[in-house]
mmCIF file of all heavy atoms, coordinates in Angstrom:
data_MODEL
# 
_entry.id   MODEL 
# 
loop_
_atom_site.group_PDB 
_atom_site.id 
_atom_site.type_symbol 
_atom_site.label_atom_id 
_atom_site.label_alt_id 
_atom_site.label_comp_id 
_atom_site.label_asym_id 
_atom_site.label_entity_id 
_atom_site.label_seq_id 
_atom_site.pdbx_PDB_ins_code 
_atom_site.Cartn_x 
_atom_site.Cartn_y 
_atom_site.Cartn_z 
_atom_site.occupancy 
_atom_site.B_iso_or_equiv 
_atom_site.pdbx_formal_charge 
_atom_site.auth_seq_id 
_atom_site.auth_comp_id 
_atom_site.auth_asym_id 
_atom_site.auth_atom_id 
_atom_site.pdbx_PDB_model_num 
ATOM 1   N N   . LYS A 1 1  ? 0.821  -1.207  0.000  1.00 0.00 ? 1  LYS A N   1 
ATOM 2   C CA  . LYS A 1 1  ? 0.000  0.000   0.000  1.00 0.00 ? 1  LYS A CA  1 
ATOM 3   C C   . LYS A 1 1  ? 0.860  1.265   0.000  1.00 0.00 ? 1  LYS A C   1 
ATOM 4   O O   . LYS A 1 1  ? 2.002  1.269   0.455  1.00 0.00 ? 1  LYS A O   1 
ATOM 5   C CB  . LYS A 1 1  ? -0.913 0.021   1.236  1.00 0.00 ? 1  LYS A CB  1 
ATOM 6   C CG  . LYS A 1 1  ? -2.135 -0.868  1.130  1.00 0.00 ? 1  LYS A CG  1 
ATOM 7   C CD  . LYS A 1 1  ? -2.995 -0.783  2.376  1.00 0.00 ? 1  LYS A CD  1 
ATOM 8   C CE  . LYS A 1 1  ? -3.572 0.601   2.584  1.00 0.00 ? 1  LYS A CE  1 
ATOM 9   N NZ  . LYS A 1 1  ? -4.498 0.657   3.742  1.00 0.00 ? 1  LYS A NZ  1 
ATOM 10  N N   . LYS A 1 2  ? 0.286  2.319   -0.523 1.00 0.00 ? 2  LYS A N   1 
ATOM 11  C CA  . LYS A 1 2  ? 0.937  3.623   -0.554 1.00 0.00 ? 2  LYS A CA  1 
ATOM 12  C C   . LYS A 1 2  ? 0.415  4.457   0.621  1.00 0.00 ? 2  LYS A C   1 
ATOM 13  O O   . LYS A 1 2  ? -0.807 4.531   0.846  1.00 0.00 ? 2  LYS A O   1 
ATOM 14  C CB  . LYS A 1 2  ? 0.622  4.314   -1.878 1.00 0.00 ? 2  LYS A CB  1 
ATOM 15  C CG  . LYS A 1 2  ? 1.613  5.363   -2.296 1.00 0.00 ? 2  LYS A CG  1 
ATOM 16  C CD  . LYS A 1 2  ? 1.343  5.790   -3.746 1.00 0.00 ? 2  LYS A CD  1 
ATOM 17  C CE  . LYS A 1 2  ? 2.422  6.741   -4.224 1.00 0.00 ? 2  LYS A CE  1 
ATOM 18  N NZ  . LYS A 1 2  ? 2.211  7.125   -5.632 1.00 0.00 ? 2  LYS A NZ  1 
ATOM 19  N N   . TYR A 1 3  ? 1.322  5.068   1.361  1.00 0.00 ? 3  TYR A N   1 
ATOM 20  C CA  . TYR A 1 3  ? 0.943  5.836   2.543  1.00 0.00 ? 3  TYR A CA  1 
ATOM 21  C C   . TYR A 1 3  ? 1.339  7.301   2.363  1.00 0.00 ? 3  TYR A C   1 
ATOM 22  O O   . TYR A 1 3  ? 2.270  7.625   1.616  1.00 0.00 ? 3  TYR A O   1 
ATOM 23  C CB  . TYR A 1 3  ? 1.629  5.257   3.784  1.00 0.00 ? 3  TYR A CB  1 
ATOM 24  C CG  . TYR A 1 3  ? 1.126  3.887   4.159  1.00 0.00 ? 3  TYR A CG  1 
ATOM 25  C CD1 . TYR A 1 3  ? 1.657  2.748   3.561  1.00 0.00 ? 3  TYR A CD1 1 
ATOM 26  C CD2 . TYR A 1 3  ? 0.108  3.721   5.095  1.00 0.00 ? 3  TYR A CD2 1 
ATOM 27  C CE1 . TYR A 1 3  ? 1.198  1.484   3.889  1.00 0.00 ? 3  TYR A CE1 1 
ATOM 28  C CE2 . TYR A 1 3  ? -0.359 2.460   5.439  1.00 0.00 ? 3  TYR A CE2 1 
ATOM 29  C CZ  . TYR A 1 3  ? 0.188  1.348   4.827  1.00 0.00 ? 3  TYR A CZ  1 
ATOM 30  O OH  . TYR A 1 3  ? -0.280 0.096   5.151  1.00 0.00 ? 3  TYR A OH  1 
ATOM 31  N N   . PRO A 1 4  ? 0.666  8.196   3.087  1.00 0.00 ? 4  PRO A N   1 
ATOM 32  C CA  . PRO A 1 4  ? 0.940  9.632   2.922  1.00 0.00 ? 4  PRO A CA  1 
ATOM 33  C C   . PRO A 1 4  ? 1.856  10.177  4.015  1.00 0.00 ? 4  PRO A C   1 
ATOM 34  O O   . PRO A 1 4  ? 2.098  9.536   5.044  1.00 0.00 ? 4  PRO A O   1 
ATOM 35  C CB  . PRO A 1 4  ? -0.452 10.233  3.089  1.00 0.00 ? 4  PRO A CB  1 
ATOM 36  C CG  . PRO A 1 4  ? -1.101 9.338   4.114  1.00 0.00 ? 4  PRO A CG  1 
ATOM 37  C CD  . PRO A 1 4  ? -0.568 7.952   3.851  1.00 0.00 ? 4  PRO A CD  1 
ATOM 38  N N   . MET A 1 5  ? 2.338  11.389  3.806  1.00 0.00 ? 5  MET A N   1 
ATOM 39  C CA  . MET A 1 5  ? 2.803  12.212  4.909  1.00 0.00 ? 5  MET A CA  1 
ATOM 40  C C   . MET A 1 5  ? 1.557  12.826  5.544  1.00 0.00 ? 5  MET A C   1 
ATOM 41  O O   . MET A 1 5  ? 0.474  12.857  4.922  1.00 0.00 ? 5  MET A O   1 
ATOM 42  C CB  . MET A 1 5  ? 3.773  13.290  4.411  1.00 0.00 ? 5  MET A CB  1 
ATOM 43  C CG  . MET A 1 5  ? 3.178  14.303  3.468  1.00 0.00 ? 5  MET A CG  1 
ATOM 44  S SD  . MET A 1 5  ? 4.402  15.422  2.729  1.00 0.00 ? 5  MET A SD  1 
ATOM 45  C CE  . MET A 1 5  ? 4.698  14.606  1.152  1.00 0.00 ? 5  MET A CE  1 
ATOM 46  N N   . ILE A 1 6  ? 1.672  13.306  6.757  1.00 0.00 ? 6  ILE A N   1 
ATOM 47  C CA  . ILE A 1 6  ? 0.540  13.979  7.418  1.00 0.00 ? 6  ILE A CA  1 
ATOM 48  C C   . ILE A 1 6  ? 1.034  15.338  7.898  1.00 0.00 ? 6  ILE A C   1 
ATOM 49  O O   . ILE A 1 6  ? 1.933  15.416  8.747  1.00 0.00 ? 6  ILE A O   1 
ATOM 50  C CB  . ILE A 1 6  ? -0.013 13.138  8.583  1.00 0.00 ? 6  ILE A CB  1 
ATOM 51  C CG1 . ILE A 1 6  ? -0.564 11.806  8.064  1.00 0.00 ? 6  ILE A CG1 1 
ATOM 52  C CG2 . ILE A 1 6  ? -1.107 13.917  9.329  1.00 0.00 ? 6  ILE A CG2 1 
ATOM 53  C CD1 . ILE A 1 6  ? -1.059 10.859  9.149  1.00 0.00 ? 6  ILE A CD1 1 
ATOM 54  N N   . ILE A 1 7  ? 0.474  16.395  7.330  1.00 0.00 ? 7  ILE A N   1 
ATOM 55  C CA  . ILE A 1 7  ? 0.886  17.761  7.656  1.00 0.00 ? 7  ILE A CA  1 
ATOM 56  C C   . ILE A 1 7  ? -0.368 18.620  7.831  1.00 0.00 ? 7  ILE A C   1 
ATOM 57  O O   . ILE A 1 7  ? -1.269 18.590  6.988  1.00 0.00 ? 7  ILE A O   1 
ATOM 58  C CB  . ILE A 1 7  ? 1.786  18.356  6.551  1.00 0.00 ? 7  ILE A CB  1 
ATOM 59  C CG1 . ILE A 1 7  ? 3.095  17.558  6.432  1.00 0.00 ? 7  ILE A CG1 1 
ATOM 60  C CG2 . ILE A 1 7  ? 2.082  19.832  6.819  1.00 0.00 ? 7  ILE A CG2 1 
ATOM 61  C CD1 . ILE A 1 7  ? 3.991  18.016  5.296  1.00 0.00 ? 7  ILE A CD1 1 
ATOM 62  N N   . ASN A 1 8  ? -0.416 19.340  8.940  1.00 0.00 ? 8  ASN A N   1 
ATOM 63  C CA  . ASN A 1 8  ? -1.522 20.271  9.223  1.00 0.00 ? 8  ASN A CA  1 
ATOM 64  C C   . ASN A 1 8  ? -2.878 19.578  9.178  1.00 0.00 ? 8  ASN A C   1 
ATOM 65  O O   . ASN A 1 8  ? -3.869 20.120  8.664  1.00 0.00 ? 8  ASN A O   1 
ATOM 66  C CB  . ASN A 1 8  ? -1.496 21.450  8.243  1.00 0.00 ? 8  ASN A CB  1 
ATOM 67  C CG  . ASN A 1 8  ? -2.287 22.635  8.766  1.00 0.00 ? 8  ASN A CG  1 
ATOM 68  O OD1 . ASN A 1 8  ? -2.426 22.824  9.978  1.00 0.00 ? 8  ASN A OD1 1 
ATOM 69  N ND2 . ASN A 1 8  ? -2.826 23.437  7.859  1.00 0.00 ? 8  ASN A ND2 1 
ATOM 70  N N   . GLY A 1 9  ? -2.921 18.369  9.695  1.00 0.00 ? 9  GLY A N   1 
ATOM 71  C CA  . GLY A 1 9  ? -4.187 17.637  9.779  1.00 0.00 ? 9  GLY A CA  1 
ATOM 72  C C   . GLY A 1 9  ? -4.645 17.021  8.481  1.00 0.00 ? 9  GLY A C   1 
ATOM 73  O O   . GLY A 1 9  ? -5.792 16.568  8.376  1.00 0.00 ? 9  GLY A O   1 
ATOM 74  N N   . LYS A 1 10 ? -3.770 16.978  7.475  1.00 0.00 ? 10 LYS A N   1 
ATOM 75  C CA  . LYS A 1 10 ? -4.165 16.431  6.169  1.00 0.00 ? 10 LYS A CA  1 
ATOM 76  C C   . LYS A 1 10 ? -3.202 15.331  5.736  1.00 0.00 ? 10 LYS A C   1 
ATOM 77  O O   . LYS A 1 10 ? -1.989 15.431  5.934  1.00 0.00 ? 10 LYS A O   1 
ATOM 78  C CB  . LYS A 1 10 ? -4.178 17.537  5.106  1.00 0.00 ? 10 LYS A CB  1 
ATOM 79  C CG  . LYS A 1 10 ? -5.180 18.645  5.382  1.00 0.00 ? 10 LYS A CG  1 
ATOM 80  C CD  . LYS A 1 10 ? -5.043 19.765  4.359  1.00 0.00 ? 10 LYS A CD  1 
ATOM 81  C CE  . LYS A 1 10 ? -5.990 20.923  4.682  1.00 0.00 ? 10 LYS A CE  1 
ATOM 82  N NZ  . LYS A 1 10 ? -5.810 22.051  3.736  1.00 0.00 ? 10 LYS A NZ  1 
ATOM 83  N N   . LYS A 1 11 ? -3.750 14.306  5.111  1.00 0.00 ? 11 LYS A N   1 
ATOM 84  C CA  . LYS A 1 11 ? -2.943 13.262  4.483  1.00 0.00 ? 11 LYS A CA  1 
ATOM 85  C C   . LYS A 1 11 ? -2.549 13.732  3.089  1.00 0.00 ? 11 LYS A C   1 
ATOM 86  O O   . LYS A 1 11 ? -3.412 14.096  2.290  1.00 0.00 ? 11 LYS A O   1 
ATOM 87  C CB  . LYS A 1 11 ? -3.733 11.956  4.394  1.00 0.00 ? 11 LYS A CB  1 
ATOM 88  C CG  . LYS A 1 11 ? -4.024 11.307  5.743  1.00 0.00 ? 11 LYS A CG  1 
ATOM 89  C CD  . LYS A 1 11 ? -4.759 9.986   5.569  1.00 0.00 ? 11 LYS A CD  1 
ATOM 90  C CE  . LYS A 1 11 ? -4.990 9.288   6.899  1.00 0.00 ? 11 LYS A CE  1 
ATOM 91  N NZ  . LYS A 1 11 ? -5.682 7.978   6.727  1.00 0.00 ? 11 LYS A NZ  1 
ATOM 92  N N   . ILE A 1 12 ? -1.254 13.711  2.826  1.00 0.00 ? 12 ILE A N   1 
ATOM 93  C CA  . ILE A 1 12 ? -0.748 14.210  1.541  1.00 0.00 ? 12 ILE A CA  1 
ATOM 94  C C   . ILE A 1 12 ? 0.060  13.096  0.873  1.00 0.00 ? 12 ILE A C   1 
ATOM 95  O O   . ILE A 1 12 ? 1.098  12.673  1.389  1.00 0.00 ? 12 ILE A O   1 
ATOM 96  C CB  . ILE A 1 12 ? 0.141  15.448  1.737  1.00 0.00 ? 12 ILE A CB  1 
ATOM 97  C CG1 . ILE A 1 12 ? -0.633 16.552  2.477  1.00 0.00 ? 12 ILE A CG1 1 
ATOM 98  C CG2 . ILE A 1 12 ? 0.658  15.960  0.391  1.00 0.00 ? 12 ILE A CG2 1 
ATOM 99  C CD1 . ILE A 1 12 ? 0.228  17.703  2.947  1.00 0.00 ? 12 ILE A CD1 1 
ATOM 100 N N   . PHE A 1 13 ? -0.437 12.625  -0.253 1.00 0.00 ? 13 PHE A N   1 
ATOM 101 C CA  . PHE A 1 13 ? 0.250  11.572  -0.990 1.00 0.00 ? 13 PHE A CA  1 
ATOM 102 C C   . PHE A 1 13 ? 1.246  12.188  -1.977 1.00 0.00 ? 13 PHE A C   1 
ATOM 103 O O   . PHE A 1 13 ? 1.111  13.351  -2.371 1.00 0.00 ? 13 PHE A O   1 
ATOM 104 C CB  . PHE A 1 13 ? -0.752 10.686  -1.725 1.00 0.00 ? 13 PHE A CB  1 
ATOM 105 C CG  . PHE A 1 13 ? -1.562 9.812   -0.814 1.00 0.00 ? 13 PHE A CG  1 
ATOM 106 C CD1 . PHE A 1 13 ? -2.728 10.286  -0.230 1.00 0.00 ? 13 PHE A CD1 1 
ATOM 107 C CD2 . PHE A 1 13 ? -1.147 8.520   -0.518 1.00 0.00 ? 13 PHE A CD2 1 
ATOM 108 C CE1 . PHE A 1 13 ? -3.474 9.488   0.622  1.00 0.00 ? 13 PHE A CE1 1 
ATOM 109 C CE2 . PHE A 1 13 ? -1.888 7.711   0.333  1.00 0.00 ? 13 PHE A CE2 1 
ATOM 110 C CZ  . PHE A 1 13 ? -3.052 8.193   0.900  1.00 0.00 ? 13 PHE A CZ  1 
ATOM 111 N N   . SER A 1 14 ? 2.228  11.400  -2.358 1.00 0.00 ? 14 SER A N   1 
ATOM 112 C CA  . SER A 1 14 ? 3.268  11.891  -3.258 1.00 0.00 ? 14 SER A CA  1 
ATOM 113 C C   . SER A 1 14 ? 3.557  10.853  -4.342 1.00 0.00 ? 14 SER A C   1 
ATOM 114 O O   . SER A 1 14 ? 3.429  9.640   -4.104 1.00 0.00 ? 14 SER A O   1 
ATOM 115 C CB  . SER A 1 14 ? 4.550  12.174  -2.462 1.00 0.00 ? 14 SER A CB  1 
ATOM 116 O OG  . SER A 1 14 ? 5.628  12.462  -3.328 1.00 0.00 ? 14 SER A OG  1 
ATOM 117 N N   . ASP A 1 15 ? 3.955  11.333  -5.508 1.00 0.00 ? 15 ASP A N   1 
ATOM 118 C CA  . ASP A 1 15 ? 4.390  10.421  -6.574 1.00 0.00 ? 15 ASP A CA  1 
ATOM 119 C C   . ASP A 1 15 ? 5.843  9.980   -6.374 1.00 0.00 ? 15 ASP A C   1 
ATOM 120 O O   . ASP A 1 15 ? 6.270  8.972   -6.932 1.00 0.00 ? 15 ASP A O   1 
ATOM 121 C CB  . ASP A 1 15 ? 4.257  11.107  -7.942 1.00 0.00 ? 15 ASP A CB  1 
ATOM 122 C CG  . ASP A 1 15 ? 2.802  11.356  -8.317 1.00 0.00 ? 15 ASP A CG  1 
ATOM 123 O OD1 . ASP A 1 15 ? 1.956  10.553  -7.907 1.00 0.00 ? 15 ASP A OD1 1 
ATOM 124 O OD2 . ASP A 1 15 ? 2.530  12.362  -9.004 1.00 0.00 ? 15 ASP A OD2 1 
ATOM 125 N N   . ASP A 1 16 ? 6.583  10.753  -5.580 1.00 0.00 ? 16 ASP A N   1 
ATOM 126 C CA  . ASP A 1 16 ? 7.986  10.423  -5.316 1.00 0.00 ? 16 ASP A CA  1 
ATOM 127 C C   . ASP A 1 16 ? 8.059  9.658   -3.997 1.00 0.00 ? 16 ASP A C   1 
ATOM 128 O O   . ASP A 1 16 ? 8.024  10.256  -2.917 1.00 0.00 ? 16 ASP A O   1 
ATOM 129 C CB  . ASP A 1 16 ? 8.813  11.701  -5.243 1.00 0.00 ? 16 ASP A CB  1 
ATOM 130 C CG  . ASP A 1 16 ? 10.291 11.415  -4.988 1.00 0.00 ? 16 ASP A CG  1 
ATOM 131 O OD1 . ASP A 1 16 ? 10.703 10.241  -5.110 1.00 0.00 ? 16 ASP A OD1 1 
ATOM 132 O OD2 . ASP A 1 16 ? 11.029 12.365  -4.646 1.00 0.00 ? 16 ASP A OD2 1 
ATOM 133 N N   . CYS A 1 17 ? 8.158  8.341   -4.098 1.00 0.00 ? 17 CYS A N   1 
ATOM 134 C CA  . CYS A 1 17 ? 8.105  7.482   -2.913 1.00 0.00 ? 17 CYS A CA  1 
ATOM 135 C C   . CYS A 1 17 ? 9.295  6.533   -2.855 1.00 0.00 ? 17 CYS A C   1 
ATOM 136 O O   . CYS A 1 17 ? 9.928  6.227   -3.865 1.00 0.00 ? 17 CYS A O   1 
ATOM 137 C CB  . CYS A 1 17 ? 6.824  6.648   -2.898 1.00 0.00 ? 17 CYS A CB  1 
ATOM 138 S SG  . CYS A 1 17 ? 5.330  7.621   -2.606 1.00 0.00 ? 17 CYS A SG  1 
ATOM 139 N N   . PHE A 1 18 ? 9.597  6.054   -1.656 1.00 0.00 ? 18 PHE A N   1 
ATOM 140 C CA  . PHE A 1 18 ? 10.556 4.972   -1.491 1.00 0.00 ? 18 PHE A CA  1 
ATOM 141 C C   . PHE A 1 18 ? 9.811  3.727   -1.014 1.00 0.00 ? 18 PHE A C   1 
ATOM 142 O O   . PHE A 1 18 ? 8.762  3.830   -0.366 1.00 0.00 ? 18 PHE A O   1 
ATOM 143 C CB  . PHE A 1 18 ? 11.676 5.343   -0.518 1.00 0.00 ? 18 PHE A CB  1 
ATOM 144 C CG  . PHE A 1 18 ? 11.218 5.635   0.893  1.00 0.00 ? 18 PHE A CG  1 
ATOM 145 C CD1 . PHE A 1 18 ? 11.200 4.637   1.868  1.00 0.00 ? 18 PHE A CD1 1 
ATOM 146 C CD2 . PHE A 1 18 ? 10.820 6.926   1.253  1.00 0.00 ? 18 PHE A CD2 1 
ATOM 147 C CE1 . PHE A 1 18 ? 10.799 4.911   3.164  1.00 0.00 ? 18 PHE A CE1 1 
ATOM 148 C CE2 . PHE A 1 18 ? 10.406 7.210   2.559  1.00 0.00 ? 18 PHE A CE2 1 
ATOM 149 C CZ  . PHE A 1 18 ? 10.393 6.196   3.513  1.00 0.00 ? 18 PHE A CZ  1 
ATOM 150 N N   . LYS A 1 19 ? 10.327 2.584   -1.360 1.00 0.00 ? 19 LYS A N   1 
ATOM 151 C CA  . LYS A 1 19 ? 9.708  1.316   -0.983 1.00 0.00 ? 19 LYS A CA  1 
ATOM 152 C C   . LYS A 1 19 ? 10.276 0.820   0.348  1.00 0.00 ? 19 LYS A C   1 
ATOM 153 O O   . LYS A 1 19 ? 11.479 0.879   0.582  1.00 0.00 ? 19 LYS A O   1 
ATOM 154 C CB  . LYS A 1 19 ? 9.930  0.258   -2.071 1.00 0.00 ? 19 LYS A CB  1 
ATOM 155 C CG  . LYS A 1 19 ? 9.155  0.500   -3.363 1.00 0.00 ? 19 LYS A CG  1 
ATOM 156 C CD  . LYS A 1 19 ? 9.443  -0.605  -4.372 1.00 0.00 ? 19 LYS A CD  1 
ATOM 157 C CE  . LYS A 1 19 ? 8.489  -0.544  -5.568 1.00 0.00 ? 19 LYS A CE  1 
ATOM 158 N NZ  . LYS A 1 19 ? 8.605  0.710   -6.333 1.00 0.00 ? 19 LYS A NZ  1 
ATOM 159 N N   . VAL A 1 20 ? 9.403  0.336   1.197  1.00 0.00 ? 20 VAL A N   1 
ATOM 160 C CA  . VAL A 1 20 ? 9.805  -0.294  2.454  1.00 0.00 ? 20 VAL A CA  1 
ATOM 161 C C   . VAL A 1 20 ? 9.762  -1.802  2.246  1.00 0.00 ? 20 VAL A C   1 
ATOM 162 O O   . VAL A 1 20 ? 8.699  -2.368  1.976  1.00 0.00 ? 20 VAL A O   1 
ATOM 163 C CB  . VAL A 1 20 ? 8.868  0.111   3.612  1.00 0.00 ? 20 VAL A CB  1 
ATOM 164 C CG1 . VAL A 1 20 ? 9.303  -0.581  4.911  1.00 0.00 ? 20 VAL A CG1 1 
ATOM 165 C CG2 . VAL A 1 20 ? 8.841  1.623   3.780  1.00 0.00 ? 20 VAL A CG2 1 
ATOM 166 N N   . ARG A 1 21 ? 10.922 -2.431  2.341  1.00 0.00 ? 21 ARG A N   1 
ATOM 167 C CA  . ARG A 1 21 ? 11.026 -3.882  2.125  1.00 0.00 ? 21 ARG A CA  1 
ATOM 168 C C   . ARG A 1 21 ? 11.344 -4.580  3.431  1.00 0.00 ? 21 ARG A C   1 
ATOM 169 O O   . ARG A 1 21 ? 11.983 -4.013  4.313  1.00 0.00 ? 21 ARG A O   1 
ATOM 170 C CB  . ARG A 1 21 ? 12.099 -4.189  1.082  1.00 0.00 ? 21 ARG A CB  1 
ATOM 171 C CG  . ARG A 1 21 ? 11.812 -3.614  -0.307 1.00 0.00 ? 21 ARG A CG  1 
ATOM 172 C CD  . ARG A 1 21 ? 12.934 -3.917  -1.287 1.00 0.00 ? 21 ARG A CD  1 
ATOM 173 N NE  . ARG A 1 21 ? 12.692 -3.307  -2.594 1.00 0.00 ? 21 ARG A NE  1 
ATOM 174 C CZ  . ARG A 1 21 ? 12.007 -3.899  -3.577 1.00 0.00 ? 21 ARG A CZ  1 
ATOM 175 N NH1 . ARG A 1 21 ? 11.518 -5.125  -3.393 1.00 0.00 ? 21 ARG A NH1 1 
ATOM 176 N NH2 . ARG A 1 21 ? 11.815 -3.280  -4.735 1.00 0.00 ? 21 ARG A NH2 1 
ATOM 177 N N   . SER A 1 22 ? 10.936 -5.838  3.533  1.00 0.00 ? 22 SER A N   1 
ATOM 178 C CA  . SER A 1 22 ? 11.236 -6.605  4.729  1.00 0.00 ? 22 SER A CA  1 
ATOM 179 C C   . SER A 1 22 ? 12.701 -7.020  4.722  1.00 0.00 ? 22 SER A C   1 
ATOM 180 O O   . SER A 1 22 ? 13.188 -7.570  3.728  1.00 0.00 ? 22 SER A O   1 
ATOM 181 C CB  . SER A 1 22 ? 10.360 -7.852  4.806  1.00 0.00 ? 22 SER A CB  1 
ATOM 182 O OG  . SER A 1 22 ? 10.767 -8.662  5.907  1.00 0.00 ? 22 SER A OG  1 
ATOM 183 N N   . PRO A 1 23 ? 13.440 -6.813  5.826  1.00 0.00 ? 23 PRO A N   1 
ATOM 184 C CA  . PRO A 1 23 ? 14.828 -7.277  5.880  1.00 0.00 ? 23 PRO A CA  1 
ATOM 185 C C   . PRO A 1 23 ? 14.934 -8.802  5.902  1.00 0.00 ? 23 PRO A C   1 
ATOM 186 O O   . PRO A 1 23 ? 15.998 -9.351  5.616  1.00 0.00 ? 23 PRO A O   1 
ATOM 187 C CB  . PRO A 1 23 ? 15.354 -6.667  7.188  1.00 0.00 ? 23 PRO A CB  1 
ATOM 188 C CG  . PRO A 1 23 ? 14.134 -6.463  8.027  1.00 0.00 ? 23 PRO A CG  1 
ATOM 189 C CD  . PRO A 1 23 ? 13.041 -6.119  7.062  1.00 0.00 ? 23 PRO A CD  1 
ATOM 190 N N   . ALA A 1 24 ? 13.822 -9.476  6.202  1.00 0.00 ? 24 ALA A N   1 
ATOM 191 C CA  . ALA A 1 24 ? 13.819 -10.941 6.201  1.00 0.00 ? 24 ALA A CA  1 
ATOM 192 C C   . ALA A 1 24 ? 13.557 -11.516 4.814  1.00 0.00 ? 24 ALA A C   1 
ATOM 193 O O   . ALA A 1 24 ? 13.882 -12.673 4.538  1.00 0.00 ? 24 ALA A O   1 
ATOM 194 C CB  . ALA A 1 24 ? 12.764 -11.463 7.177  1.00 0.00 ? 24 ALA A CB  1 
ATOM 195 N N   . ASP A 1 25 ? 12.960 -10.710 3.942  1.00 0.00 ? 25 ASP A N   1 
ATOM 196 C CA  . ASP A 1 25 ? 12.681 -11.141 2.566  1.00 0.00 ? 25 ASP A CA  1 
ATOM 197 C C   . ASP A 1 25 ? 12.509 -9.882  1.725  1.00 0.00 ? 25 ASP A C   1 
ATOM 198 O O   . ASP A 1 25 ? 11.433 -9.285  1.681  1.00 0.00 ? 25 ASP A O   1 
ATOM 199 C CB  . ASP A 1 25 ? 11.415 -12.006 2.516  1.00 0.00 ? 25 ASP A CB  1 
ATOM 200 C CG  . ASP A 1 25 ? 11.137 -12.554 1.124  1.00 0.00 ? 25 ASP A CG  1 
ATOM 201 O OD1 . ASP A 1 25 ? 11.787 -12.093 0.159  1.00 0.00 ? 25 ASP A OD1 1 
ATOM 202 O OD2 . ASP A 1 25 ? 10.264 -13.433 0.999  1.00 0.00 ? 25 ASP A OD2 1 
# 
């Protein structure tokens, strides 16, 4: 899933993202 930053009470999505991978796989 894609998650946002949260600033000033708002969820803000971005096209510039990094992937979070499991260190176990």
